[in-house]
């Protein structure tokens, strides 16, 4: 399925892809690239830019820094998740802390949510 997107956000998404956070890089290079699905980084969907998007599974993966735990941002994230849900997209959220301190558990949770096993991961040379 092709989702409409705000063309004004294309340059911002491109810049975010070039400047991923340490936690986004870790998840991308050490796990998400090995999934047997196409995973898009900093993908425009509607008026949003999501961290990672697996179109085939209709799943967004968000990595939240400390700013996401402030009340205003928490409310905005909830509204954003609801808008994506209306499009049939499930949002998985993980904090920077979880990525840094519990990486294996995050990866296992993603595998479980995608109905995959570790043996389904693709290892490339």
PDB file of N, CA and C in Angstrom:
ATOM      1  N   UNK A   1       0.839  -1.186   0.000  1.00  0.00           N
ATOM      2  CA  UNK A   1       0.000   0.000   0.000  1.00  0.00           C
ATOM      3  C   UNK A   1       0.883   1.248   0.000  1.00  0.00           C
ATOM      4  N   UNK A   2       0.507   2.211  -0.781  1.00  0.00           N
ATOM      5  CA  UNK A   2       1.231   3.475  -0.846  1.00  0.00           C
ATOM      6  C   UNK A   2       0.483   4.495   0.016  1.00  0.00           C
ATOM      7  N   UNK A   3       1.228   5.149   0.895  1.00  0.00           N
ATOM      8  CA  UNK A   3       0.641   6.136   1.797  1.00  0.00           C
ATOM      9  C   UNK A   3       0.936   7.535   1.280  1.00  0.00           C
ATOM     10  N   UNK A   4      -0.041   8.409   1.409  1.00  0.00           N
ATOM     11  CA  UNK A   4       0.176   9.807   1.062  1.00  0.00           C
ATOM     12  C   UNK A   4       1.181  10.389   2.046  1.00  0.00           C
ATOM     13  N   UNK A   5       1.920  11.389   1.579  1.00  0.00           N
ATOM     14  CA  UNK A   5       2.899  12.018   2.461  1.00  0.00           C
ATOM     15  C   UNK A   5       3.028  13.494   2.123  1.00  0.00           C
ATOM     16  N   UNK A   6       3.506  14.233   3.098  1.00  0.00           N
ATOM     17  CA  UNK A   6       3.707  15.660   2.962  1.00  0.00           C
ATOM     18  C   UNK A   6       5.047  15.898   2.253  1.00  0.00           C
ATOM     19  N   UNK A   7       4.995  16.386   1.026  1.00  0.00           N
ATOM     20  CA  UNK A   7       6.211  16.606   0.234  1.00  0.00           C
ATOM     21  C   UNK A   7       7.146  17.633   0.880  1.00  0.00           C
ATOM     22  N   UNK A   8       6.605  18.494   1.726  1.00  0.00           N
ATOM     23  CA  UNK A   8       7.435  19.483   2.414  1.00  0.00           C
ATOM     24  C   UNK A   8       8.370  18.850   3.443  1.00  0.00           C
ATOM     25  N   UNK A   9       8.130  17.587   3.782  1.00  0.00           N
ATOM     26  CA  UNK A   9       8.959  16.910   4.778  1.00  0.00           C
ATOM     27  C   UNK A   9      10.073  16.059   4.166  1.00  0.00           C
ATOM     28  N   UNK A  10      10.126  15.983   2.853  1.00  0.00           N
ATOM     29  CA  UNK A  10      11.108  15.117   2.186  1.00  0.00           C
ATOM     30  C   UNK A  10      12.539  15.514   2.551  1.00  0.00           C
ATOM     31  N   UNK A  11      12.869  16.772   2.495  1.00  0.00           N
ATOM     32  CA  UNK A  11      14.232  17.219   2.803  1.00  0.00           C
ATOM     33  C   UNK A  11      14.577  16.942   4.265  1.00  0.00           C
ATOM     34  N   UNK A  12      13.626  17.134   5.144  1.00  0.00           N
ATOM     35  CA  UNK A  12      13.854  16.857   6.566  1.00  0.00           C
ATOM     36  C   UNK A  12      14.108  15.369   6.783  1.00  0.00           C
ATOM     37  N   UNK A  13      13.313  14.523   6.149  1.00  0.00           N
ATOM     38  CA  UNK A  13      13.498  13.073   6.277  1.00  0.00           C
ATOM     39  C   UNK A  13      14.871  12.666   5.756  1.00  0.00           C
ATOM     40  N   UNK A  14      15.279  13.238   4.651  1.00  0.00           N
ATOM     41  CA  UNK A  14      16.595  12.934   4.074  1.00  0.00           C
ATOM     42  C   UNK A  14      17.701  13.330   5.064  1.00  0.00           C
ATOM     43  N   UNK A  15      17.564  14.498   5.661  1.00  0.00           N
ATOM     44  CA  UNK A  15      18.563  14.964   6.635  1.00  0.00           C
ATOM     45  C   UNK A  15      18.589  14.053   7.867  1.00  0.00           C
ATOM     46  N   UNK A  16      17.423  13.616   8.313  1.00  0.00           N
ATOM     47  CA  UNK A  16      17.363  12.717   9.464  1.00  0.00           C
ATOM     48  C   UNK A  16      18.009  11.364   9.159  1.00  0.00           C
ATOM     49  N   UNK A  17      17.870  10.880   7.937  1.00  0.00           N
ATOM     50  CA  UNK A  17      18.519   9.620   7.540  1.00  0.00           C
ATOM     51  C   UNK A  17      20.041   9.748   7.612  1.00  0.00           C
ATOM     52  N   UNK A  18      20.530  10.924   7.234  1.00  0.00           N
ATOM     53  CA  UNK A  18      21.981  11.153   7.246  1.00  0.00           C
ATOM     54  C   UNK A  18      22.514  11.393   8.652  1.00  0.00           C
ATOM     55  N   UNK A  19      21.631  11.757   9.576  1.00  0.00           N
ATOM     56  CA  UNK A  19      22.052  12.115  10.936  1.00  0.00           C
ATOM     57  C   UNK A  19      21.301  11.313  11.992  1.00  0.00           C
ATOM     58  N   UNK A  20      21.285  10.000  11.825  1.00  0.00           N
ATOM     59  CA  UNK A  20      20.579   9.158  12.791  1.00  0.00           C
ATOM     60  C   UNK A  20      21.244   9.256  14.168  1.00  0.00           C
ATOM     61  N   UNK A  21      20.429   9.064  15.199  1.00  0.00           N
ATOM     62  CA  UNK A  21      20.973   9.047  16.552  1.00  0.00           C
ATOM     63  C   UNK A  21      21.788   7.767  16.740  1.00  0.00           C
ATOM     64  N   UNK A  22      22.582   7.746  17.782  1.00  0.00           N
ATOM     65  CA  UNK A  22      23.391   6.568  18.111  1.00  0.00           C
ATOM     66  C   UNK A  22      22.498   5.337  18.270  1.00  0.00           C
ATOM     67  N   UNK A  23      21.362   5.503  18.927  1.00  0.00           N
ATOM     68  CA  UNK A  23      20.447   4.385  19.167  1.00  0.00           C
ATOM     69  C   UNK A  23      19.787   3.912  17.874  1.00  0.00           C
ATOM     70  N   UNK A  24      19.413   4.845  16.999  1.00  0.00           N
ATOM     71  CA  UNK A  24      18.842   4.474  15.702  1.00  0.00           C
ATOM     72  C   UNK A  24      19.860   3.705  14.868  1.00  0.00           C
ATOM     73  N   UNK A  25      21.109   4.171  14.865  1.00  0.00           N
ATOM     74  CA  UNK A  25      22.163   3.479  14.121  1.00  0.00           C
ATOM     75  C   UNK A  25      22.354   2.060  14.652  1.00  0.00           C
ATOM     76  N   UNK A  26      22.378   1.926  15.963  1.00  0.00           N
ATOM     77  CA  UNK A  26      22.575   0.609  16.580  1.00  0.00           C
ATOM     78  C   UNK A  26      21.459  -0.348  16.154  1.00  0.00           C
ATOM     79  N   UNK A  27      20.216   0.102  16.282  1.00  0.00           N
ATOM     80  CA  UNK A  27      19.090  -0.760  15.910  1.00  0.00           C
ATOM     81  C   UNK A  27      19.128  -1.072  14.417  1.00  0.00           C
ATOM     82  N   UNK A  28      19.431  -0.084  13.589  1.00  0.00           N
ATOM     83  CA  UNK A  28      19.447  -0.263  12.135  1.00  0.00           C
ATOM     84  C   UNK A  28      20.558  -1.225  11.701  1.00  0.00           C
ATOM     85  N   UNK A  29      21.787  -0.906  12.053  1.00  0.00           N
ATOM     86  CA  UNK A  29      22.920  -1.683  11.550  1.00  0.00           C
ATOM     87  C   UNK A  29      23.048  -3.054  12.212  1.00  0.00           C
ATOM     88  N   UNK A  30      22.640  -3.161  13.462  1.00  0.00           N
ATOM     89  CA  UNK A  30      22.841  -4.410  14.187  1.00  0.00           C
ATOM     90  C   UNK A  30      21.615  -5.312  14.237  1.00  0.00           C
ATOM     91  N   UNK A  31      20.495  -4.842  13.674  1.00  0.00           N
ATOM     92  CA  UNK A  31      19.300  -5.693  13.711  1.00  0.00           C
ATOM     93  C   UNK A  31      18.359  -5.497  12.523  1.00  0.00           C
ATOM     94  N   UNK A  32      17.804  -4.310  12.352  1.00  0.00           N
ATOM     95  CA  UNK A  32      16.739  -4.112  11.369  1.00  0.00           C
ATOM     96  C   UNK A  32      17.165  -4.437   9.940  1.00  0.00           C
ATOM     97  N   UNK A  33      18.427  -4.189   9.605  1.00  0.00           N
ATOM     98  CA  UNK A  33      18.908  -4.496   8.242  1.00  0.00           C
ATOM     99  C   UNK A  33      18.856  -5.996   7.955  1.00  0.00           C
ATOM    100  N   UNK A  34      18.777  -6.806   8.995  1.00  0.00           N
ATOM    101  CA  UNK A  34      18.789  -8.263   8.830  1.00  0.00           C
ATOM    102  C   UNK A  34      17.392  -8.864   8.742  1.00  0.00           C
ATOM    103  N   UNK A  35      16.376  -8.035   8.893  1.00  0.00           N
ATOM    104  CA  UNK A  35      15.014  -8.551   8.783  1.00  0.00           C
ATOM    105  C   UNK A  35      14.740  -8.980   7.345  1.00  0.00           C
ATOM    106  N   UNK A  36      13.901  -9.973   7.160  1.00  0.00           N
ATOM    107  CA  UNK A  36      13.609 -10.437   5.795  1.00  0.00           C
ATOM    108  C   UNK A  36      12.564  -9.582   5.083  1.00  0.00           C
ATOM    109  N   UNK A  37      12.449  -8.325   5.480  1.00  0.00           N
ATOM    110  CA  UNK A  37      11.511  -7.367   4.878  1.00  0.00           C
ATOM    111  C   UNK A  37      12.285  -6.099   4.556  1.00  0.00           C
ATOM    112  N   UNK A  38      11.745  -5.293   3.667  1.00  0.00           N
ATOM    113  CA  UNK A  38      12.316  -3.974   3.429  1.00  0.00           C
ATOM    114  C   UNK A  38      11.947  -3.081   4.608  1.00  0.00           C
ATOM    115  N   UNK A  39      12.949  -2.447   5.170  1.00  0.00           N
ATOM    116  CA  UNK A  39      12.744  -1.513   6.278  1.00  0.00           C
ATOM    117  C   UNK A  39      13.207  -0.149   5.800  1.00  0.00           C
ATOM    118  N   UNK A  40      12.304   0.828   5.820  1.00  0.00           N
ATOM    119  CA  UNK A  40      12.644   2.193   5.417  1.00  0.00           C
ATOM    120  C   UNK A  40      12.995   3.004   6.654  1.00  0.00           C
ATOM    121  N   UNK A  41      14.046   3.817   6.518  1.00  0.00           N
ATOM    122  CA  UNK A  41      14.444   4.723   7.599  1.00  0.00           C
ATOM    123  C   UNK A  41      13.856   6.096   7.336  1.00  0.00           C
ATOM    124  N   UNK A  42      13.432   6.755   8.410  1.00  0.00           N
ATOM    125  CA  UNK A  42      12.923   8.125   8.330  1.00  0.00           C
ATOM    126  C   UNK A  42      11.959   8.273   7.159  1.00  0.00           C
ATOM    127  N   UNK A  43      10.889   7.536   7.227  1.00  0.00           N
ATOM    128  CA  UNK A  43       9.885   7.455   6.160  1.00  0.00           C
ATOM    129  C   UNK A  43       8.771   8.472   6.387  1.00  0.00           C
ATOM    130  N   UNK A  44       8.402   9.176   5.328  1.00  0.00           N
ATOM    131  CA  UNK A  44       7.266  10.106   5.382  1.00  0.00           C
ATOM    132  C   UNK A  44       5.966   9.313   5.248  1.00  0.00           C
ATOM    133  N   UNK A  45       5.081   9.506   6.197  1.00  0.00           N
ATOM    134  CA  UNK A  45       3.726   8.950   6.117  1.00  0.00           C
ATOM    135  C   UNK A  45       2.786  10.046   6.587  1.00  0.00           C
ATOM    136  N   UNK A  46       1.917  10.497   5.705  1.00  0.00           N
ATOM    137  CA  UNK A  46       1.034  11.611   6.054  1.00  0.00           C
ATOM    138  C   UNK A  46       1.863  12.833   6.391  1.00  0.00           C
ATOM    139  N   UNK A  47       1.582  13.430   7.545  1.00  0.00           N
ATOM    140  CA  UNK A  47       2.330  14.604   7.996  1.00  0.00           C
ATOM    141  C   UNK A  47       3.414  14.232   9.003  1.00  0.00           C
ATOM    142  N   UNK A  48       3.820  12.975   9.005  1.00  0.00           N
ATOM    143  CA  UNK A  48       4.785  12.483   9.975  1.00  0.00           C
ATOM    144  C   UNK A  48       6.026  11.927   9.281  1.00  0.00           C
ATOM    145  N   UNK A  49       7.117  11.929  10.022  1.00  0.00           N
ATOM    146  CA  UNK A  49       8.313  11.205   9.622  1.00  0.00           C
ATOM    147  C   UNK A  49       8.530  10.168  10.717  1.00  0.00           C
ATOM    148  N   UNK A  50       8.460   8.898  10.349  1.00  0.00           N
ATOM    149  CA  UNK A  50       8.636   7.833  11.331  1.00  0.00           C
ATOM    150  C   UNK A  50      10.074   7.326  11.264  1.00  0.00           C
ATOM    151  N   UNK A  51      10.585   6.838  12.379  1.00  0.00           N
ATOM    152  CA  UNK A  51      11.977   6.385  12.422  1.00  0.00           C
ATOM    153  C   UNK A  51      12.220   5.224  11.462  1.00  0.00           C
ATOM    154  N   UNK A  52      11.411   4.166  11.589  1.00  0.00           N
ATOM    155  CA  UNK A  52      11.552   2.987  10.733  1.00  0.00           C
ATOM    156  C   UNK A  52      10.164   2.503  10.335  1.00  0.00           C
ATOM    157  N   UNK A  53      10.033   2.037   9.091  1.00  0.00           N
ATOM    158  CA  UNK A  53       8.740   1.568   8.602  1.00  0.00           C
ATOM    159  C   UNK A  53       8.917   0.281   7.822  1.00  0.00           C
ATOM    160  N   UNK A  54       8.123  -0.720   8.194  1.00  0.00           N
ATOM    161  CA  UNK A  54       8.093  -1.991   7.484  1.00  0.00           C
ATOM    162  C   UNK A  54       6.723  -2.068   6.816  1.00  0.00           C
ATOM    163  N   UNK A  55       6.665  -1.662   5.560  1.00  0.00           N
ATOM    164  CA  UNK A  55       5.392  -1.562   4.842  1.00  0.00           C
ATOM    165  C   UNK A  55       4.698  -2.917   4.743  1.00  0.00           C
ATOM    166  N   UNK A  56       5.454  -3.959   4.469  1.00  0.00           N
ATOM    167  CA  UNK A  56       4.873  -5.289   4.294  1.00  0.00           C
ATOM    168  C   UNK A  56       4.111  -5.754   5.533  1.00  0.00           C
ATOM    169  N   UNK A  57       4.568  -5.318   6.692  1.00  0.00           N
ATOM    170  CA  UNK A  57       3.919  -5.695   7.947  1.00  0.00           C
ATOM    171  C   UNK A  57       3.072  -4.561   8.540  1.00  0.00           C
ATOM    172  N   UNK A  58       3.124  -3.397   7.892  1.00  0.00           N
ATOM    173  CA  UNK A  58       2.405  -2.208   8.372  1.00  0.00           C
ATOM    174  C   UNK A  58       2.783  -1.885   9.814  1.00  0.00           C
ATOM    175  N   UNK A  59       4.093  -1.826  10.035  1.00  0.00           N
ATOM    176  CA  UNK A  59       4.635  -1.582  11.370  1.00  0.00           C
ATOM    177  C   UNK A  59       5.619  -0.421  11.316  1.00  0.00           C
ATOM    178  N   UNK A  60       5.468   0.485  12.269  1.00  0.00           N
ATOM    179  CA  UNK A  60       6.403   1.582  12.486  1.00  0.00           C
ATOM    180  C   UNK A  60       7.156   1.283  13.774  1.00  0.00           C
ATOM    181  N   UNK A  61       8.461   1.551  13.764  1.00  0.00           N
ATOM    182  CA  UNK A  61       9.277   1.411  14.964  1.00  0.00           C
ATOM    183  C   UNK A  61       9.838   2.790  15.284  1.00  0.00           C
ATOM    184  N   UNK A  62       9.536   3.255  16.475  1.00  0.00           N
ATOM    185  CA  UNK A  62       9.989   4.564  16.934  1.00  0.00           C
ATOM    186  C   UNK A  62      10.976   4.397  18.073  1.00  0.00           C
ATOM    187  N   UNK A  63      12.055   5.162  18.035  1.00  0.00           N
ATOM    188  CA  UNK A  63      13.045   5.187  19.104  1.00  0.00           C
ATOM    189  C   UNK A  63      12.906   6.546  19.786  1.00  0.00           C
ATOM    190  N   UNK A  64      12.511   6.514  21.046  1.00  0.00           N
ATOM    191  CA  UNK A  64      12.182   7.744  21.764  1.00  0.00           C
ATOM    192  C   UNK A  64      13.300   8.207  22.689  1.00  0.00           C
ATOM    193  N   UNK A  65      13.728   9.447  22.470  1.00  0.00           N
ATOM    194  CA  UNK A  65      14.658  10.100  23.386  1.00  0.00           C
ATOM    195  C   UNK A  65      13.899  10.662  24.573  1.00  0.00           C
ATOM    196  N   UNK A  66      14.608  11.264  25.495  1.00  0.00           N
ATOM    197  CA  UNK A  66      14.004  11.748  26.745  1.00  0.00           C
ATOM    198  C   UNK A  66      12.894  12.775  26.514  1.00  0.00           C
ATOM    199  N   UNK A  67      12.968  13.552  25.426  1.00  0.00           N
ATOM    200  CA  UNK A  67      11.947  14.572  25.161  1.00  0.00           C
ATOM    201  C   UNK A  67      10.561  13.952  24.974  1.00  0.00           C
ATOM    202  N   UNK A  68      10.506  12.687  24.577  1.00  0.00           N
ATOM    203  CA  UNK A  68       9.219  12.033  24.342  1.00  0.00           C
ATOM    204  C   UNK A  68       8.474  11.724  25.637  1.00  0.00           C
ATOM    205  N   UNK A  69       9.145  11.871  26.765  1.00  0.00           N
ATOM    206  CA  UNK A  69       8.504  11.573  28.047  1.00  0.00           C
ATOM    207  C   UNK A  69       7.961  12.821  28.738  1.00  0.00           C
ATOM    208  N   UNK A  70       8.130  13.978  28.108  1.00  0.00           N
ATOM    209  CA  UNK A  70       7.522  15.204  28.616  1.00  0.00           C
ATOM    210  C   UNK A  70       6.041  15.165  28.280  1.00  0.00           C
ATOM    211  N   UNK A  71       5.171  15.679  29.175  1.00  0.00           N
ATOM    212  CA  UNK A  71       3.711  15.554  28.979  1.00  0.00           C
ATOM    213  C   UNK A  71       3.205  16.015  27.615  1.00  0.00           C
ATOM    214  N   UNK A  72       3.681  17.153  27.120  1.00  0.00           N
ATOM    215  CA  UNK A  72       3.209  17.659  25.827  1.00  0.00           C
ATOM    216  C   UNK A  72       3.596  16.704  24.700  1.00  0.00           C
ATOM    217  N   UNK A  73       4.819  16.238  24.718  1.00  0.00           N
ATOM    218  CA  UNK A  73       5.283  15.334  23.669  1.00  0.00           C
ATOM    219  C   UNK A  73       4.631  13.961  23.779  1.00  0.00           C
ATOM    220  N   UNK A  74       4.377  13.524  24.998  1.00  0.00           N
ATOM    221  CA  UNK A  74       3.700  12.242  25.195  1.00  0.00           C
ATOM    222  C   UNK A  74       2.301  12.288  24.576  1.00  0.00           C
ATOM    223  N   UNK A  75       1.622  13.418  24.773  1.00  0.00           N
ATOM    224  CA  UNK A  75       0.281  13.592  24.212  1.00  0.00           C
ATOM    225  C   UNK A  75       0.357  13.607  22.676  1.00  0.00           C
ATOM    226  N   UNK A  76       1.332  14.322  22.129  1.00  0.00           N
ATOM    227  CA  UNK A  76       1.496  14.400  20.674  1.00  0.00           C
ATOM    228  C   UNK A  76       1.807  13.013  20.094  1.00  0.00           C
ATOM    229  N   UNK A  77       2.637  12.247  20.786  1.00  0.00           N
ATOM    230  CA  UNK A  77       2.958  10.894  20.315  1.00  0.00           C
ATOM    231  C   UNK A  77       1.716  10.013  20.314  1.00  0.00           C
ATOM    232  N   UNK A  78       0.903  10.165  21.325  1.00  0.00           N
ATOM    233  CA  UNK A  78      -0.333   9.370  21.413  1.00  0.00           C
ATOM    234  C   UNK A  78      -1.267   9.705  20.243  1.00  0.00           C
ATOM    235  N   UNK A  79      -1.392  10.994  19.936  1.00  0.00           N
ATOM    236  CA  UNK A  79      -2.234  11.422  18.809  1.00  0.00           C
ATOM    237  C   UNK A  79      -1.659  10.912  17.486  1.00  0.00           C
ATOM    238  N   UNK A  80      -0.362  10.996  17.353  1.00  0.00           N
ATOM    239  CA  UNK A  80       0.326  10.531  16.150  1.00  0.00           C
ATOM    240  C   UNK A  80       0.117   9.030  15.958  1.00  0.00           C
ATOM    241  N   UNK A  81       0.279   8.278  17.043  1.00  0.00           N
ATOM    242  CA  UNK A  81       0.067   6.827  16.988  1.00  0.00           C
ATOM    243  C   UNK A  81      -1.367   6.506  16.578  1.00  0.00           C
ATOM    244  N   UNK A  82      -2.320   7.295  17.082  1.00  0.00           N
ATOM    245  CA  UNK A  82      -3.731   7.079  16.737  1.00  0.00           C
ATOM    246  C   UNK A  82      -3.968   7.348  15.250  1.00  0.00           C
ATOM    247  N   UNK A  83      -3.335   8.388  14.701  1.00  0.00           N
ATOM    248  CA  UNK A  83      -3.473   8.691  13.271  1.00  0.00           C
ATOM    249  C   UNK A  83      -2.886   7.566  12.422  1.00  0.00           C
ATOM    250  N   UNK A  84      -1.748   7.054  12.820  1.00  0.00           N
ATOM    251  CA  UNK A  84      -1.140   5.954  12.085  1.00  0.00           C
ATOM    252  C   UNK A  84      -1.993   4.685  12.208  1.00  0.00           C
ATOM    253  N   UNK A  85      -2.571   4.474  13.374  1.00  0.00           N
ATOM    254  CA  UNK A  85      -3.450   3.317  13.587  1.00  0.00           C
ATOM    255  C   UNK A  85      -4.649   3.373  12.639  1.00  0.00           C
ATOM    256  N   UNK A  86      -5.170   4.582  12.404  1.00  0.00           N
ATOM    257  CA  UNK A  86      -6.290   4.742  11.466  1.00  0.00           C
ATOM    258  C   UNK A  86      -5.902   4.303  10.050  1.00  0.00           C
ATOM    259  N   UNK A  87      -4.616   4.365   9.753  1.00  0.00           N
ATOM    260  CA  UNK A  87      -4.113   3.926   8.452  1.00  0.00           C
ATOM    261  C   UNK A  87      -3.791   2.430   8.451  1.00  0.00           C
ATOM    262  N   UNK A  88      -4.053   1.780   9.571  1.00  0.00           N
ATOM    263  CA  UNK A  88      -3.780   0.351   9.678  1.00  0.00           C
ATOM    264  C   UNK A  88      -2.346   0.033  10.058  1.00  0.00           C
ATOM    265  N   UNK A  89      -1.658   1.011  10.647  1.00  0.00           N
ATOM    266  CA  UNK A  89      -0.248   0.852  11.006  1.00  0.00           C
ATOM    267  C   UNK A  89      -0.102   0.725  12.519  1.00  0.00           C
ATOM    268  N   UNK A  90       0.628  -0.307  12.951  1.00  0.00           N
ATOM    269  CA  UNK A  90       0.926  -0.495  14.367  1.00  0.00           C
ATOM    270  C   UNK A  90       2.247   0.199  14.675  1.00  0.00           C
ATOM    271  N   UNK A  91       2.298   0.916  15.786  1.00  0.00           N
ATOM    272  CA  UNK A  91       3.512   1.623  16.195  1.00  0.00           C
ATOM    273  C   UNK A  91       4.131   0.907  17.392  1.00  0.00           C
ATOM    274  N   UNK A  92       5.406   0.561  17.247  1.00  0.00           N
ATOM    275  CA  UNK A  92       6.179  -0.013  18.345  1.00  0.00           C
ATOM    276  C   UNK A  92       7.141   1.064  18.822  1.00  0.00           C
ATOM    277  N   UNK A  93       7.130   1.331  20.122  1.00  0.00           N
ATOM    278  CA  UNK A  93       7.987   2.380  20.680  1.00  0.00           C
ATOM    279  C   UNK A  93       8.976   1.788  21.668  1.00  0.00           C
ATOM    280  N   UNK A  94      10.213   2.231  21.539  1.00  0.00           N
ATOM    281  CA  UNK A  94      11.277   1.823  22.451  1.00  0.00           C
ATOM    282  C   UNK A  94      12.069   3.068  22.821  1.00  0.00           C
ATOM    283  N   UNK A  95      12.518   3.126  24.051  1.00  0.00           N
ATOM    284  CA  UNK A  95      13.292   4.290  24.495  1.00  0.00           C
ATOM    285  C   UNK A  95      14.774   4.096  24.171  1.00  0.00           C
ATOM    286  N   UNK A  96      15.495   5.203  24.143  1.00  0.00           N
ATOM    287  CA  UNK A  96      16.942   5.134  23.983  1.00  0.00           C
ATOM    288  C   UNK A  96      17.545   4.244  25.068  1.00  0.00           C
ATOM    289  N   UNK A  97      17.018   4.365  26.275  1.00  0.00           N
ATOM    290  CA  UNK A  97      17.508   3.566  27.397  1.00  0.00           C
ATOM    291  C   UNK A  97      17.360   2.072  27.094  1.00  0.00           C
ATOM    292  N   UNK A  98      16.203   1.680  26.575  1.00  0.00           N
ATOM    293  CA  UNK A  98      15.984   0.267  26.243  1.00  0.00           C
ATOM    294  C   UNK A  98      16.968  -0.210  25.183  1.00  0.00           C
ATOM    295  N   UNK A  99      17.221   0.625  24.179  1.00  0.00           N
ATOM    296  CA  UNK A  99      18.165   0.270  23.121  1.00  0.00           C
ATOM    297  C   UNK A  99      19.565   0.098  23.722  1.00  0.00           C
ATOM    298  N   UNK A 100      19.942   1.001  24.611  1.00  0.00           N
ATOM    299  CA  UNK A 100      21.285   0.973  25.188  1.00  0.00           C
ATOM    300  C   UNK A 100      21.478  -0.114  26.246  1.00  0.00           C
ATOM    301  N   UNK A 101      20.456  -0.388  27.029  1.00  0.00           N
ATOM    302  CA  UNK A 101      20.610  -1.290  28.168  1.00  0.00           C
ATOM    303  C   UNK A 101      19.971  -2.661  27.991  1.00  0.00           C
ATOM    304  N   UNK A 102      19.061  -2.782  27.024  1.00  0.00           N
ATOM    305  CA  UNK A 102      18.312  -4.029  26.887  1.00  0.00           C
ATOM    306  C   UNK A 102      18.088  -4.348  25.406  1.00  0.00           C
ATOM    307  N   UNK A 103      19.136  -4.212  24.615  1.00  0.00           N
ATOM    308  CA  UNK A 103      19.031  -4.334  23.159  1.00  0.00           C
ATOM    309  C   UNK A 103      18.454  -5.681  22.734  1.00  0.00           C
ATOM    310  N   UNK A 104      18.914  -6.739  23.337  1.00  0.00           N
ATOM    311  CA  UNK A 104      18.433  -8.073  22.957  1.00  0.00           C
ATOM    312  C   UNK A 104      16.934  -8.213  23.203  1.00  0.00           C
ATOM    313  N   UNK A 105      16.447  -7.668  24.307  1.00  0.00           N
ATOM    314  CA  UNK A 105      15.012  -7.737  24.604  1.00  0.00           C
ATOM    315  C   UNK A 105      14.204  -6.933  23.583  1.00  0.00           C
ATOM    316  N   UNK A 106      14.712  -5.785  23.165  1.00  0.00           N
ATOM    317  CA  UNK A 106      14.042  -4.977  22.140  1.00  0.00           C
ATOM    318  C   UNK A 106      13.959  -5.774  20.838  1.00  0.00           C
ATOM    319  N   UNK A 107      15.065  -6.364  20.439  1.00  0.00           N
ATOM    320  CA  UNK A 107      15.098  -7.150  19.195  1.00  0.00           C
ATOM    321  C   UNK A 107      14.132  -8.334  19.283  1.00  0.00           C
ATOM    322  N   UNK A 108      14.120  -9.012  20.412  1.00  0.00           N
ATOM    323  CA  UNK A 108      13.203 -10.144  20.584  1.00  0.00           C
ATOM    324  C   UNK A 108      11.755  -9.700  20.545  1.00  0.00           C
ATOM    325  N   UNK A 109      11.455  -8.538  21.124  1.00  0.00           N
ATOM    326  CA  UNK A 109      10.085  -8.024  21.090  1.00  0.00           C
ATOM    327  C   UNK A 109       9.670  -7.719  19.651  1.00  0.00           C
ATOM    328  N   UNK A 110      10.563  -7.101  18.892  1.00  0.00           N
ATOM    329  CA  UNK A 110      10.259  -6.799  17.491  1.00  0.00           C
ATOM    330  C   UNK A 110      10.033  -8.106  16.716  1.00  0.00           C
ATOM    331  N   UNK A 111      10.901  -9.078  16.915  1.00  0.00           N
ATOM    332  CA  UNK A 111      10.723 -10.372  16.252  1.00  0.00           C
ATOM    333  C   UNK A 111       9.362 -10.965  16.578  1.00  0.00           C
ATOM    334  N   UNK A 112       9.009 -10.952  17.860  1.00  0.00           N
ATOM    335  CA  UNK A 112       7.714 -11.503  18.281  1.00  0.00           C
ATOM    336  C   UNK A 112       6.553 -10.768  17.629  1.00  0.00           C
ATOM    337  N   UNK A 113       6.631  -9.453  17.590  1.00  0.00           N
ATOM    338  CA  UNK A 113       5.542  -8.654  17.001  1.00  0.00           C
ATOM    339  C   UNK A 113       5.413  -8.878  15.502  1.00  0.00           C
ATOM    340  N   UNK A 114       6.522  -9.255  14.860  1.00  0.00           N
ATOM    341  CA  UNK A 114       6.518  -9.519  13.417  1.00  0.00           C
ATOM    342  C   UNK A 114       6.312 -11.003  13.113  1.00  0.00           C
ATOM    343  N   UNK A 115       6.072 -11.788  14.164  1.00  0.00           N
ATOM    344  CA  UNK A 115       5.905 -13.245  14.021  1.00  0.00           C
ATOM    345  C   UNK A 115       7.110 -13.892  13.358  1.00  0.00           C
ATOM    346  N   UNK A 116       8.293 -13.502  13.808  1.00  0.00           N
ATOM    347  CA  UNK A 116       9.542 -14.046  13.296  1.00  0.00           C
ATOM    348  C   UNK A 116      10.332 -14.713  14.412  1.00  0.00           C
ATOM    349  N   UNK A 117      11.331 -15.500  14.003  1.00  0.00           N
ATOM    350  CA  UNK A 117      12.287 -16.096  14.925  1.00  0.00           C
ATOM    351  C   UNK A 117      13.669 -15.569  14.549  1.00  0.00           C
ATOM    352  N   UNK A 118      14.603 -15.680  15.467  1.00  0.00           N
ATOM    353  CA  UNK A 118      15.965 -15.231  15.182  1.00  0.00           C
ATOM    354  C   UNK A 118      16.528 -15.939  13.958  1.00  0.00           C
ATOM    355  N   UNK A 119      16.125 -17.166  13.725  1.00  0.00           N
ATOM    356  CA  UNK A 119      16.618 -17.911  12.564  1.00  0.00           C
ATOM    357  C   UNK A 119      16.109 -17.342  11.242  1.00  0.00           C
ATOM    358  N   UNK A 120      15.113 -16.451  11.297  1.00  0.00           N
ATOM    359  CA  UNK A 120      14.594 -15.810  10.079  1.00  0.00           C
ATOM    360  C   UNK A 120      15.447 -14.631   9.623  1.00  0.00           C
ATOM    361  N   UNK A 121      16.361 -14.182  10.484  1.00  0.00           N
ATOM    362  CA  UNK A 121      17.197 -13.031  10.135  1.00  0.00           C
ATOM    363  C   UNK A 121      18.150 -13.406   9.012  1.00  0.00           C
ATOM    364  N   UNK A 122      18.431 -12.423   8.171  1.00  0.00           N
ATOM    365  CA  UNK A 122      19.304 -12.611   7.007  1.00  0.00           C
ATOM    366  C   UNK A 122      20.676 -12.064   7.361  1.00  0.00           C
ATOM    367  N   UNK A 123      21.691 -12.899   7.232  1.00  0.00           N
ATOM    368  CA  UNK A 123      23.058 -12.461   7.508  1.00  0.00           C
ATOM    369  C   UNK A 123      23.804 -12.342   6.189  1.00  0.00           C
ATOM    370  N   UNK A 124      24.288 -11.146   5.923  1.00  0.00           N
ATOM    371  CA  UNK A 124      24.988 -10.868   4.667  1.00  0.00           C
ATOM    372  C   UNK A 124      26.471 -10.669   4.968  1.00  0.00           C
ATOM    373  N   UNK A 125      27.291 -11.001   4.016  1.00  0.00           N
ATOM    374  CA  UNK A 125      28.738 -10.801   4.177  1.00  0.00           C
ATOM    375  C   UNK A 125      29.123  -9.377   3.902  1.00  0.00           C
TER     376      UNK A 125
END
